[in-house]
């Protein structure tokens, strides 16, 4: 089974996007072996991602805005851990540029499988 670690920023986005993130997390937990951790301060996503890489996590899912995603990607340099982005920030420029914006939960689960 694929091990998926979710790193989520609990203050990213709006109440609407935060509810959407909760639905994504619950859906991923039904389909994969997951561990969800919420960031607590700036730079925390990097630390959490580094720990996940050290534990040979298959896939990291970053839920948040560009800041959260950048922290996670910095920790993935020279690793074999895959990254998936669920953008819930105000701009989500990186996710838009990578064509990872506007996917349904079904599309995300299919891509992660």
PDB file of N, CA and C in Angstrom:
ATOM      1  N   UNK A   1       0.840  -1.180   0.000  1.00  0.00           N
ATOM      2  CA  UNK A   1       0.000   0.000   0.000  1.00  0.00           C
ATOM      3  C   UNK A   1       0.891   1.251   0.000  1.00  0.00           C
ATOM      4  N   UNK A   2       0.460   2.257  -0.720  1.00  0.00           N
ATOM      5  CA  UNK A   2       1.196   3.516  -0.799  1.00  0.00           C
ATOM      6  C   UNK A   2       1.045   4.279   0.509  1.00  0.00           C
ATOM      7  N   UNK A   3       2.166   4.743   1.047  1.00  0.00           N
ATOM      8  CA  UNK A   3       2.130   5.558   2.260  1.00  0.00           C
ATOM      9  C   UNK A   3       2.133   7.024   1.859  1.00  0.00           C
ATOM     10  N   UNK A   4       1.101   7.733   2.269  1.00  0.00           N
ATOM     11  CA  UNK A   4       0.937   9.146   1.929  1.00  0.00           C
ATOM     12  C   UNK A   4       0.989   9.965   3.206  1.00  0.00           C
ATOM     13  N   UNK A   5       1.858  10.953   3.219  1.00  0.00           N
ATOM     14  CA  UNK A   5       1.886  11.888   4.351  1.00  0.00           C
ATOM     15  C   UNK A   5       1.317  13.216   3.886  1.00  0.00           C
ATOM     16  N   UNK A   6       0.401  13.742   4.675  1.00  0.00           N
ATOM     17  CA  UNK A   6      -0.256  15.001   4.368  1.00  0.00           C
ATOM     18  C   UNK A   6       0.279  16.070   5.310  1.00  0.00           C
ATOM     19  N   UNK A   7       0.766  17.152   4.715  1.00  0.00           N
ATOM     20  CA  UNK A   7       1.209  18.312   5.495  1.00  0.00           C
ATOM     21  C   UNK A   7       0.277  19.452   5.126  1.00  0.00           C
ATOM     22  N   UNK A   8      -0.496  19.904   6.102  1.00  0.00           N
ATOM     23  CA  UNK A   8      -1.525  20.899   5.829  1.00  0.00           C
ATOM     24  C   UNK A   8      -1.311  22.156   6.661  1.00  0.00           C
ATOM     25  N   UNK A   9      -1.545  23.281   6.029  1.00  0.00           N
ATOM     26  CA  UNK A   9      -1.494  24.574   6.713  1.00  0.00           C
ATOM     27  C   UNK A   9      -2.920  24.906   7.153  1.00  0.00           C
ATOM     28  N   UNK A  10      -3.198  24.900   8.466  1.00  0.00           N
ATOM     29  CA  UNK A  10      -4.574  25.090   8.930  1.00  0.00           C
ATOM     30  C   UNK A  10      -5.110  26.512   8.780  1.00  0.00           C
ATOM     31  N   UNK A  11      -4.247  27.468   8.473  1.00  0.00           N
ATOM     32  CA  UNK A  11      -4.727  28.850   8.339  1.00  0.00           C
ATOM     33  C   UNK A  11      -4.675  29.355   6.905  1.00  0.00           C
ATOM     34  N   UNK A  12      -4.320  28.488   5.964  1.00  0.00           N
ATOM     35  CA  UNK A  12      -4.278  28.896   4.554  1.00  0.00           C
ATOM     36  C   UNK A  12      -5.695  29.006   4.011  1.00  0.00           C
ATOM     37  N   UNK A  13      -5.885  29.939   3.111  1.00  0.00           N
ATOM     38  CA  UNK A  13      -7.145  30.055   2.398  1.00  0.00           C
ATOM     39  C   UNK A  13      -8.282  30.635   3.215  1.00  0.00           C
ATOM     40  N   UNK A  14      -9.471  30.329   2.752  1.00  0.00           N
ATOM     41  CA  UNK A  14     -10.703  30.825   3.367  1.00  0.00           C
ATOM     42  C   UNK A  14     -11.401  29.687   4.104  1.00  0.00           C
ATOM     43  N   UNK A  15     -12.470  30.000   4.803  1.00  0.00           N
ATOM     44  CA  UNK A  15     -13.239  28.945   5.478  1.00  0.00           C
ATOM     45  C   UNK A  15     -13.737  27.916   4.460  1.00  0.00           C
ATOM     46  N   UNK A  16     -14.128  28.389   3.285  1.00  0.00           N
ATOM     47  CA  UNK A  16     -14.605  27.484   2.227  1.00  0.00           C
ATOM     48  C   UNK A  16     -13.499  26.534   1.780  1.00  0.00           C
ATOM     49  N   UNK A  17     -12.306  27.060   1.514  1.00  0.00           N
ATOM     50  CA  UNK A  17     -11.216  26.196   1.051  1.00  0.00           C
ATOM     51  C   UNK A  17     -10.715  25.302   2.182  1.00  0.00           C
ATOM     52  N   UNK A  18     -10.804  25.758   3.425  1.00  0.00           N
ATOM     53  CA  UNK A  18     -10.413  24.918   4.551  1.00  0.00           C
ATOM     54  C   UNK A  18     -11.371  23.737   4.710  1.00  0.00           C
ATOM     55  N   UNK A  19     -12.666  23.972   4.467  1.00  0.00           N
ATOM     56  CA  UNK A  19     -13.644  22.862   4.494  1.00  0.00           C
ATOM     57  C   UNK A  19     -13.331  21.877   3.365  1.00  0.00           C
ATOM     58  N   UNK A  20     -12.981  22.415   2.199  1.00  0.00           N
ATOM     59  CA  UNK A  20     -12.624  21.567   1.058  1.00  0.00           C
ATOM     60  C   UNK A  20     -11.388  20.728   1.395  1.00  0.00           C
ATOM     61  N   UNK A  21     -10.403  21.334   2.057  1.00  0.00           N
ATOM     62  CA  UNK A  21      -9.197  20.605   2.444  1.00  0.00           C
ATOM     63  C   UNK A  21      -9.541  19.464   3.395  1.00  0.00           C
ATOM     64  N   UNK A  22     -10.455  19.709   4.329  1.00  0.00           N
ATOM     65  CA  UNK A  22     -10.860  18.672   5.273  1.00  0.00           C
ATOM     66  C   UNK A  22     -11.492  17.488   4.529  1.00  0.00           C
ATOM     67  N   UNK A  23     -12.309  17.774   3.524  1.00  0.00           N
ATOM     68  CA  UNK A  23     -12.935  16.723   2.723  1.00  0.00           C
ATOM     69  C   UNK A  23     -11.863  15.931   1.963  1.00  0.00           C
ATOM     70  N   UNK A  24     -10.875  16.624   1.398  1.00  0.00           N
ATOM     71  CA  UNK A  24      -9.778  15.945   0.702  1.00  0.00           C
ATOM     72  C   UNK A  24      -9.032  15.025   1.660  1.00  0.00           C
ATOM     73  N   UNK A  25      -8.722  15.529   2.842  1.00  0.00           N
ATOM     74  CA  UNK A  25      -7.983  14.723   3.818  1.00  0.00           C
ATOM     75  C   UNK A  25      -8.783  13.480   4.189  1.00  0.00           C
ATOM     76  N   UNK A  26     -10.060  13.637   4.488  1.00  0.00           N
ATOM     77  CA  UNK A  26     -10.897  12.486   4.850  1.00  0.00           C
ATOM     78  C   UNK A  26     -10.971  11.469   3.715  1.00  0.00           C
ATOM     79  N   UNK A  27     -11.052  11.936   2.494  1.00  0.00           N
ATOM     80  CA  UNK A  27     -11.100  11.030   1.339  1.00  0.00           C
ATOM     81  C   UNK A  27      -9.779  10.291   1.159  1.00  0.00           C
ATOM     82  N   UNK A  28      -8.676  10.995   1.298  1.00  0.00           N
ATOM     83  CA  UNK A  28      -7.368  10.340   1.168  1.00  0.00           C
ATOM     84  C   UNK A  28      -7.179   9.289   2.254  1.00  0.00           C
ATOM     85  N   UNK A  29      -7.665   9.581   3.471  1.00  0.00           N
ATOM     86  CA  UNK A  29      -7.538   8.630   4.575  1.00  0.00           C
ATOM     87  C   UNK A  29      -8.314   7.348   4.306  1.00  0.00           C
ATOM     88  N   UNK A  30      -9.362   7.413   3.508  1.00  0.00           N
ATOM     89  CA  UNK A  30     -10.150   6.225   3.166  1.00  0.00           C
ATOM     90  C   UNK A  30      -9.456   5.355   2.120  1.00  0.00           C
ATOM     91  N   UNK A  31      -8.578   5.952   1.313  1.00  0.00           N
ATOM     92  CA  UNK A  31      -7.973   5.226   0.192  1.00  0.00           C
ATOM     93  C   UNK A  31      -6.501   4.855   0.382  1.00  0.00           C
ATOM     94  N   UNK A  32      -5.828   5.498   1.311  1.00  0.00           N
ATOM     95  CA  UNK A  32      -4.396   5.280   1.489  1.00  0.00           C
ATOM     96  C   UNK A  32      -4.041   5.196   2.965  1.00  0.00           C
ATOM     97  N   UNK A  33      -2.884   4.619   3.237  1.00  0.00           N
ATOM     98  CA  UNK A  33      -2.323   4.689   4.580  1.00  0.00           C
ATOM     99  C   UNK A  33      -1.762   6.103   4.707  1.00  0.00           C
ATOM    100  N   UNK A  34      -2.329   6.905   5.597  1.00  0.00           N
ATOM    101  CA  UNK A  34      -1.939   8.314   5.674  1.00  0.00           C
ATOM    102  C   UNK A  34      -1.529   8.717   7.082  1.00  0.00           C
ATOM    103  N   UNK A  35      -0.800   9.800   7.107  1.00  0.00           N
ATOM    104  CA  UNK A  35      -0.482  10.501   8.349  1.00  0.00           C
ATOM    105  C   UNK A  35      -0.681  11.972   8.022  1.00  0.00           C
ATOM    106  N   UNK A  36      -1.501  12.642   8.802  1.00  0.00           N
ATOM    107  CA  UNK A  36      -1.760  14.058   8.569  1.00  0.00           C
ATOM    108  C   UNK A  36      -1.160  14.875   9.696  1.00  0.00           C
ATOM    109  N   UNK A  37      -0.387  15.888   9.315  1.00  0.00           N
ATOM    110  CA  UNK A  37       0.210  16.800  10.281  1.00  0.00           C
ATOM    111  C   UNK A  37      -0.096  18.219   9.858  1.00  0.00           C
ATOM    112  N   UNK A  38      -0.449  19.052  10.827  1.00  0.00           N
ATOM    113  CA  UNK A  38      -0.750  20.453  10.549  1.00  0.00           C
ATOM    114  C   UNK A  38       0.430  21.326  10.968  1.00  0.00           C
ATOM    115  N   UNK A  39       0.753  22.269  10.108  1.00  0.00           N
ATOM    116  CA  UNK A  39       1.860  23.176  10.423  1.00  0.00           C
ATOM    117  C   UNK A  39       1.445  24.105  11.559  1.00  0.00           C
ATOM    118  N   UNK A  40       2.455  24.511  12.348  1.00  0.00           N
ATOM    119  CA  UNK A  40       2.196  25.364  13.500  1.00  0.00           C
ATOM    120  C   UNK A  40       2.878  26.722  13.408  1.00  0.00           C
ATOM    121  N   UNK A  41       3.852  26.858  12.501  1.00  0.00           N
ATOM    122  CA  UNK A  41       4.595  28.112  12.379  1.00  0.00           C
ATOM    123  C   UNK A  41       5.334  28.116  11.045  1.00  0.00           C
ATOM    124  N   UNK A  42       5.811  29.272  10.646  1.00  0.00           N
ATOM    125  CA  UNK A  42       6.571  29.395   9.398  1.00  0.00           C
ATOM    126  C   UNK A  42       7.814  28.510   9.484  1.00  0.00           C
ATOM    127  N   UNK A  43       8.063  27.730   8.461  1.00  0.00           N
ATOM    128  CA  UNK A  43       9.206  26.823   8.420  1.00  0.00           C
ATOM    129  C   UNK A  43       8.877  25.419   8.908  1.00  0.00           C
ATOM    130  N   UNK A  44       7.733  25.231   9.528  1.00  0.00           N
ATOM    131  CA  UNK A  44       7.355  23.933  10.073  1.00  0.00           C
ATOM    132  C   UNK A  44       7.114  22.895   8.972  1.00  0.00           C
ATOM    133  N   UNK A  45       6.540  23.321   7.841  1.00  0.00           N
ATOM    134  CA  UNK A  45       6.294  22.385   6.732  1.00  0.00           C
ATOM    135  C   UNK A  45       7.610  21.781   6.238  1.00  0.00           C
ATOM    136  N   UNK A  46       8.674  22.578   6.197  1.00  0.00           N
ATOM    137  CA  UNK A  46       9.990  22.082   5.780  1.00  0.00           C
ATOM    138  C   UNK A  46      10.473  20.996   6.733  1.00  0.00           C
ATOM    139  N   UNK A  47      10.361  21.239   8.017  1.00  0.00           N
ATOM    140  CA  UNK A  47      10.804  20.268   9.025  1.00  0.00           C
ATOM    141  C   UNK A  47       9.999  18.978   8.917  1.00  0.00           C
ATOM    142  N   UNK A  48       8.686  19.107   8.796  1.00  0.00           N
ATOM    143  CA  UNK A  48       7.824  17.924   8.672  1.00  0.00           C
ATOM    144  C   UNK A  48       8.143  17.135   7.405  1.00  0.00           C
ATOM    145  N   UNK A  49       8.369  17.842   6.314  1.00  0.00           N
ATOM    146  CA  UNK A  49       8.688  17.174   5.048  1.00  0.00           C
ATOM    147  C   UNK A  49      10.038  16.471   5.128  1.00  0.00           C
ATOM    148  N   UNK A  50      11.025  17.093   5.746  1.00  0.00           N
ATOM    149  CA  UNK A  50      12.345  16.465   5.922  1.00  0.00           C
ATOM    150  C   UNK A  50      12.216  15.166   6.713  1.00  0.00           C
ATOM    151  N   UNK A  51      11.397  15.200   7.762  1.00  0.00           N
ATOM    152  CA  UNK A  51      11.182  13.991   8.568  1.00  0.00           C
ATOM    153  C   UNK A  51      10.512  12.901   7.733  1.00  0.00           C
ATOM    154  N   UNK A  52       9.551  13.283   6.911  1.00  0.00           N
ATOM    155  CA  UNK A  52       8.857  12.310   6.056  1.00  0.00           C
ATOM    156  C   UNK A  52       9.818  11.682   5.052  1.00  0.00           C
ATOM    157  N   UNK A  53      10.680  12.492   4.468  1.00  0.00           N
ATOM    158  CA  UNK A  53      11.677  11.986   3.521  1.00  0.00           C
ATOM    159  C   UNK A  53      12.611  10.996   4.226  1.00  0.00           C
ATOM    160  N   UNK A  54      13.040  11.325   5.427  1.00  0.00           N
ATOM    161  CA  UNK A  54      13.929  10.447   6.184  1.00  0.00           C
ATOM    162  C   UNK A  54      13.259   9.105   6.507  1.00  0.00           C
ATOM    163  N   UNK A  55      11.929   9.108   6.585  1.00  0.00           N
ATOM    164  CA  UNK A  55      11.170   7.887   6.880  1.00  0.00           C
ATOM    165  C   UNK A  55      10.735   7.171   5.597  1.00  0.00           C
ATOM    166  N   UNK A  56      11.260   7.628   4.465  1.00  0.00           N
ATOM    167  CA  UNK A  56      10.990   7.007   3.157  1.00  0.00           C
ATOM    168  C   UNK A  56       9.508   7.021   2.782  1.00  0.00           C
ATOM    169  N   UNK A  57       8.847   8.122   3.074  1.00  0.00           N
ATOM    170  CA  UNK A  57       7.453   8.299   2.682  1.00  0.00           C
ATOM    171  C   UNK A  57       7.365   8.270   1.160  1.00  0.00           C
ATOM    172  N   UNK A  58       6.374   7.562   0.626  1.00  0.00           N
ATOM    173  CA  UNK A  58       6.206   7.463  -0.827  1.00  0.00           C
ATOM    174  C   UNK A  58       5.795   8.796  -1.432  1.00  0.00           C
ATOM    175  N   UNK A  59       4.765   9.419  -0.851  1.00  0.00           N
ATOM    176  CA  UNK A  59       4.199  10.639  -1.418  1.00  0.00           C
ATOM    177  C   UNK A  59       3.854  11.623  -0.318  1.00  0.00           C
ATOM    178  N   UNK A  60       4.233  12.860  -0.535  1.00  0.00           N
ATOM    179  CA  UNK A  60       3.830  13.953   0.349  1.00  0.00           C
ATOM    180  C   UNK A  60       2.740  14.743  -0.347  1.00  0.00           C
ATOM    181  N   UNK A  61       1.693  15.055   0.391  1.00  0.00           N
ATOM    182  CA  UNK A  61       0.629  15.906  -0.110  1.00  0.00           C
ATOM    183  C   UNK A  61       0.706  17.211   0.671  1.00  0.00           C
ATOM    184  N   UNK A  62       0.951  18.291  -0.052  1.00  0.00           N
ATOM    185  CA  UNK A  62       1.024  19.616   0.576  1.00  0.00           C
ATOM    186  C   UNK A  62      -0.313  20.309   0.382  1.00  0.00           C
ATOM    187  N   UNK A  63      -0.962  20.657   1.489  1.00  0.00           N
ATOM    188  CA  UNK A  63      -2.235  21.360   1.443  1.00  0.00           C
ATOM    189  C   UNK A  63      -2.020  22.738   2.038  1.00  0.00           C
ATOM    190  N   UNK A  64      -2.136  23.743   1.187  1.00  0.00           N
ATOM    191  CA  UNK A  64      -1.931  25.114   1.634  1.00  0.00           C
ATOM    192  C   UNK A  64      -1.687  26.012   0.445  1.00  0.00           C
ATOM    193  N   UNK A  65      -1.067  27.119   0.705  1.00  0.00           N
ATOM    194  CA  UNK A  65      -0.740  28.053  -0.359  1.00  0.00           C
ATOM    195  C   UNK A  65       0.681  27.861  -0.850  1.00  0.00           C
ATOM    196  N   UNK A  66       1.134  28.814  -1.644  1.00  0.00           N
ATOM    197  CA  UNK A  66       2.479  28.718  -2.226  1.00  0.00           C
ATOM    198  C   UNK A  66       3.565  28.611  -1.162  1.00  0.00           C
ATOM    199  N   UNK A  67       3.422  29.297  -0.043  1.00  0.00           N
ATOM    200  CA  UNK A  67       4.436  29.243   1.017  1.00  0.00           C
ATOM    201  C   UNK A  67       4.606  27.838   1.571  1.00  0.00           C
ATOM    202  N   UNK A  68       3.500  27.180   1.841  1.00  0.00           N
ATOM    203  CA  UNK A  68       3.542  25.804   2.337  1.00  0.00           C
ATOM    204  C   UNK A  68       4.178  24.883   1.305  1.00  0.00           C
ATOM    205  N   UNK A  69       3.766  25.035   0.059  1.00  0.00           N
ATOM    206  CA  UNK A  69       4.279  24.184  -1.019  1.00  0.00           C
ATOM    207  C   UNK A  69       5.778  24.386  -1.198  1.00  0.00           C
ATOM    208  N   UNK A  70       6.238  25.617  -1.155  1.00  0.00           N
ATOM    209  CA  UNK A  70       7.674  25.902  -1.314  1.00  0.00           C
ATOM    210  C   UNK A  70       8.473  25.251  -0.196  1.00  0.00           C
ATOM    211  N   UNK A  71       7.987  25.347   1.042  1.00  0.00           N
ATOM    212  CA  UNK A  71       8.697  24.715   2.160  1.00  0.00           C
ATOM    213  C   UNK A  71       8.805  23.203   1.954  1.00  0.00           C
ATOM    214  N   UNK A  72       7.716  22.584   1.538  1.00  0.00           N
ATOM    215  CA  UNK A  72       7.721  21.132   1.334  1.00  0.00           C
ATOM    216  C   UNK A  72       8.663  20.760   0.192  1.00  0.00           C
ATOM    217  N   UNK A  73       8.599  21.481  -0.920  1.00  0.00           N
ATOM    218  CA  UNK A  73       9.447  21.129  -2.065  1.00  0.00           C
ATOM    219  C   UNK A  73      10.928  21.280  -1.736  1.00  0.00           C
ATOM    220  N   UNK A  74      11.287  22.244  -0.910  1.00  0.00           N
ATOM    221  CA  UNK A  74      12.693  22.405  -0.531  1.00  0.00           C
ATOM    222  C   UNK A  74      13.210  21.171   0.194  1.00  0.00           C
ATOM    223  N   UNK A  75      12.345  20.513   0.942  1.00  0.00           N
ATOM    224  CA  UNK A  75      12.751  19.316   1.681  1.00  0.00           C
ATOM    225  C   UNK A  75      12.858  18.087   0.788  1.00  0.00           C
ATOM    226  N   UNK A  76      12.310  18.150  -0.414  1.00  0.00           N
ATOM    227  CA  UNK A  76      12.303  16.990  -1.308  1.00  0.00           C
ATOM    228  C   UNK A  76      13.494  16.925  -2.252  1.00  0.00           C
ATOM    229  N   UNK A  77      14.329  17.927  -2.242  1.00  0.00           N
ATOM    230  CA  UNK A  77      15.478  17.956  -3.149  1.00  0.00           C
ATOM    231  C   UNK A  77      16.334  16.707  -2.935  1.00  0.00           C
ATOM    232  N   UNK A  78      16.654  16.030  -4.023  1.00  0.00           N
ATOM    233  CA  UNK A  78      17.473  14.810  -4.040  1.00  0.00           C
ATOM    234  C   UNK A  78      16.839  13.644  -3.286  1.00  0.00           C
ATOM    235  N   UNK A  79      15.520  13.625  -3.180  1.00  0.00           N
ATOM    236  CA  UNK A  79      14.844  12.489  -2.549  1.00  0.00           C
ATOM    237  C   UNK A  79      14.016  11.751  -3.595  1.00  0.00           C
ATOM    238  N   UNK A  80      13.501  10.601  -3.204  1.00  0.00           N
ATOM    239  CA  UNK A  80      12.636   9.824  -4.093  1.00  0.00           C
ATOM    240  C   UNK A  80      11.156  10.012  -3.748  1.00  0.00           C
ATOM    241  N   UNK A  81      10.870  10.860  -2.799  1.00  0.00           N
ATOM    242  CA  UNK A  81       9.499  11.116  -2.370  1.00  0.00           C
ATOM    243  C   UNK A  81       8.780  11.980  -3.403  1.00  0.00           C
ATOM    244  N   UNK A  82       7.580  11.552  -3.788  1.00  0.00           N
ATOM    245  CA  UNK A  82       6.770  12.306  -4.739  1.00  0.00           C
ATOM    246  C   UNK A  82       5.996  13.405  -4.015  1.00  0.00           C
ATOM    247  N   UNK A  83       5.590  14.395  -4.776  1.00  0.00           N
ATOM    248  CA  UNK A  83       4.830  15.525  -4.228  1.00  0.00           C
ATOM    249  C   UNK A  83       3.512  15.661  -4.959  1.00  0.00           C
ATOM    250  N   UNK A  84       2.470  15.902  -4.200  1.00  0.00           N
ATOM    251  CA  UNK A  84       1.181  16.271  -4.774  1.00  0.00           C
ATOM    252  C   UNK A  84       0.704  17.508  -4.037  1.00  0.00           C
ATOM    253  N   UNK A  85       0.129  18.437  -4.774  1.00  0.00           N
ATOM    254  CA  UNK A  85      -0.300  19.709  -4.207  1.00  0.00           C
ATOM    255  C   UNK A  85      -1.818  19.813  -4.233  1.00  0.00           C
ATOM    256  N   UNK A  86      -2.393  20.168  -3.093  1.00  0.00           N
ATOM    257  CA  UNK A  86      -3.801  20.536  -3.039  1.00  0.00           C
ATOM    258  C   UNK A  86      -3.818  22.008  -2.631  1.00  0.00           C
ATOM    259  N   UNK A  87      -3.982  22.888  -3.622  1.00  0.00           N
ATOM    260  CA  UNK A  87      -3.859  24.327  -3.367  1.00  0.00           C
ATOM    261  C   UNK A  87      -5.112  24.909  -2.716  1.00  0.00           C
ATOM    262  N   UNK A  88      -4.929  25.561  -1.563  1.00  0.00           N
ATOM    263  CA  UNK A  88      -6.053  26.234  -0.924  1.00  0.00           C
ATOM    264  C   UNK A  88      -5.677  27.652  -0.499  1.00  0.00           C
ATOM    265  N   UNK A  89      -4.567  28.154  -1.004  1.00  0.00           N
ATOM    266  CA  UNK A  89      -4.135  29.506  -0.655  1.00  0.00           C
ATOM    267  C   UNK A  89      -4.922  30.559  -1.413  1.00  0.00           C
ATOM    268  N   UNK A  90      -4.496  31.789  -1.279  1.00  0.00           N
ATOM    269  CA  UNK A  90      -5.221  32.891  -1.934  1.00  0.00           C
ATOM    270  C   UNK A  90      -4.847  33.033  -3.402  1.00  0.00           C
ATOM    271  N   UNK A  91      -3.621  32.712  -3.779  1.00  0.00           N
ATOM    272  CA  UNK A  91      -3.201  32.866  -5.171  1.00  0.00           C
ATOM    273  C   UNK A  91      -2.963  31.558  -5.882  1.00  0.00           C
ATOM    274  N   UNK A  92      -2.277  30.638  -5.227  1.00  0.00           N
ATOM    275  CA  UNK A  92      -1.973  29.313  -5.773  1.00  0.00           C
ATOM    276  C   UNK A  92      -1.256  29.367  -7.121  1.00  0.00           C
ATOM    277  N   UNK A  93      -0.354  30.323  -7.272  1.00  0.00           N
ATOM    278  CA  UNK A  93       0.357  30.499  -8.534  1.00  0.00           C
ATOM    279  C   UNK A  93       1.141  29.278  -8.959  1.00  0.00           C
ATOM    280  N   UNK A  94       1.837  28.660  -8.034  1.00  0.00           N
ATOM    281  CA  UNK A  94       2.646  27.490  -8.368  1.00  0.00           C
ATOM    282  C   UNK A  94       1.768  26.338  -8.848  1.00  0.00           C
ATOM    283  N   UNK A  95       0.697  26.060  -8.146  1.00  0.00           N
ATOM    284  CA  UNK A  95      -0.195  24.968  -8.539  1.00  0.00           C
ATOM    285  C   UNK A  95      -0.811  25.240  -9.907  1.00  0.00           C
ATOM    286  N   UNK A  96      -1.148  26.488 -10.174  1.00  0.00           N
ATOM    287  CA  UNK A  96      -1.701  26.834 -11.490  1.00  0.00           C
ATOM    288  C   UNK A  96      -0.650  26.606 -12.579  1.00  0.00           C
ATOM    289  N   UNK A  97       0.585  27.042 -12.323  1.00  0.00           N
ATOM    290  CA  UNK A  97       1.657  26.873 -13.301  1.00  0.00           C
ATOM    291  C   UNK A  97       1.949  25.396 -13.569  1.00  0.00           C
ATOM    292  N   UNK A  98       1.789  24.554 -12.568  1.00  0.00           N
ATOM    293  CA  UNK A  98       2.047  23.124 -12.714  1.00  0.00           C
ATOM    294  C   UNK A  98       0.814  22.346 -13.175  1.00  0.00           C
ATOM    295  N   UNK A  99      -0.267  23.060 -13.450  1.00  0.00           N
ATOM    296  CA  UNK A  99      -1.518  22.456 -13.905  1.00  0.00           C
ATOM    297  C   UNK A  99      -2.072  21.471 -12.874  1.00  0.00           C
ATOM    298  N   UNK A 100      -1.954  21.816 -11.595  1.00  0.00           N
ATOM    299  CA  UNK A 100      -2.457  20.985 -10.502  1.00  0.00           C
ATOM    300  C   UNK A 100      -3.614  21.674  -9.794  1.00  0.00           C
ATOM    301  N   UNK A 101      -4.281  22.553 -10.472  1.00  0.00           N
ATOM    302  CA  UNK A 101      -5.328  23.352  -9.855  1.00  0.00           C
ATOM    303  C   UNK A 101      -6.684  22.907 -10.376  1.00  0.00           C
ATOM    304  N   UNK A 102      -7.653  22.782  -9.491  1.00  0.00           N
ATOM    305  CA  UNK A 102      -9.010  22.469  -9.894  1.00  0.00           C
ATOM    306  C   UNK A 102      -9.299  20.993 -10.100  1.00  0.00           C
ATOM    307  N   UNK A 103      -8.466  20.103  -9.540  1.00  0.00           N
ATOM    308  CA  UNK A 103      -8.715  18.673  -9.676  1.00  0.00           C
ATOM    309  C   UNK A 103      -9.749  18.224  -8.649  1.00  0.00           C
ATOM    310  N   UNK A 104     -10.562  17.271  -9.028  1.00  0.00           N
ATOM    311  CA  UNK A 104     -11.530  16.702  -8.097  1.00  0.00           C
ATOM    312  C   UNK A 104     -10.828  15.672  -7.211  1.00  0.00           C
ATOM    313  N   UNK A 105     -11.483  15.286  -6.116  1.00  0.00           N
ATOM    314  CA  UNK A 105     -10.889  14.290  -5.232  1.00  0.00           C
ATOM    315  C   UNK A 105     -10.701  12.965  -5.969  1.00  0.00           C
ATOM    316  N   UNK A 106     -11.619  12.620  -6.875  1.00  0.00           N
ATOM    317  CA  UNK A 106     -11.480  11.393  -7.640  1.00  0.00           C
ATOM    318  C   UNK A 106     -10.239  11.443  -8.530  1.00  0.00           C
ATOM    319  N   UNK A 107      -9.990  12.601  -9.163  1.00  0.00           N
ATOM    320  CA  UNK A 107      -8.813  12.746 -10.006  1.00  0.00           C
ATOM    321  C   UNK A 107      -7.539  12.666  -9.176  1.00  0.00           C
ATOM    322  N   UNK A 108      -7.563  13.236  -7.986  1.00  0.00           N
ATOM    323  CA  UNK A 108      -6.387  13.194  -7.119  1.00  0.00           C
ATOM    324  C   UNK A 108      -6.097  11.761  -6.692  1.00  0.00           C
ATOM    325  N   UNK A 109      -7.109  11.032  -6.268  1.00  0.00           N
ATOM    326  CA  UNK A 109      -6.917   9.643  -5.841  1.00  0.00           C
ATOM    327  C   UNK A 109      -6.379   8.806  -6.993  1.00  0.00           C
ATOM    328  N   UNK A 110      -6.905   9.013  -8.179  1.00  0.00           N
ATOM    329  CA  UNK A 110      -6.420   8.273  -9.357  1.00  0.00           C
ATOM    330  C   UNK A 110      -4.957   8.582  -9.632  1.00  0.00           C
ATOM    331  N   UNK A 111      -4.570   9.861  -9.537  1.00  0.00           N
ATOM    332  CA  UNK A 111      -3.183  10.249  -9.797  1.00  0.00           C
ATOM    333  C   UNK A 111      -2.237   9.695  -8.741  1.00  0.00           C
ATOM    334  N   UNK A 112      -2.702   9.584  -7.491  1.00  0.00           N
ATOM    335  CA  UNK A 112      -1.859   9.076  -6.413  1.00  0.00           C
ATOM    336  C   UNK A 112      -1.742   7.554  -6.428  1.00  0.00           C
ATOM    337  N   UNK A 113      -2.697   6.881  -7.024  1.00  0.00           N
ATOM    338  CA  UNK A 113      -2.702   5.403  -7.017  1.00  0.00           C
ATOM    339  C   UNK A 113      -1.664   4.819  -7.950  1.00  0.00           C
TER     340      UNK A 113
END
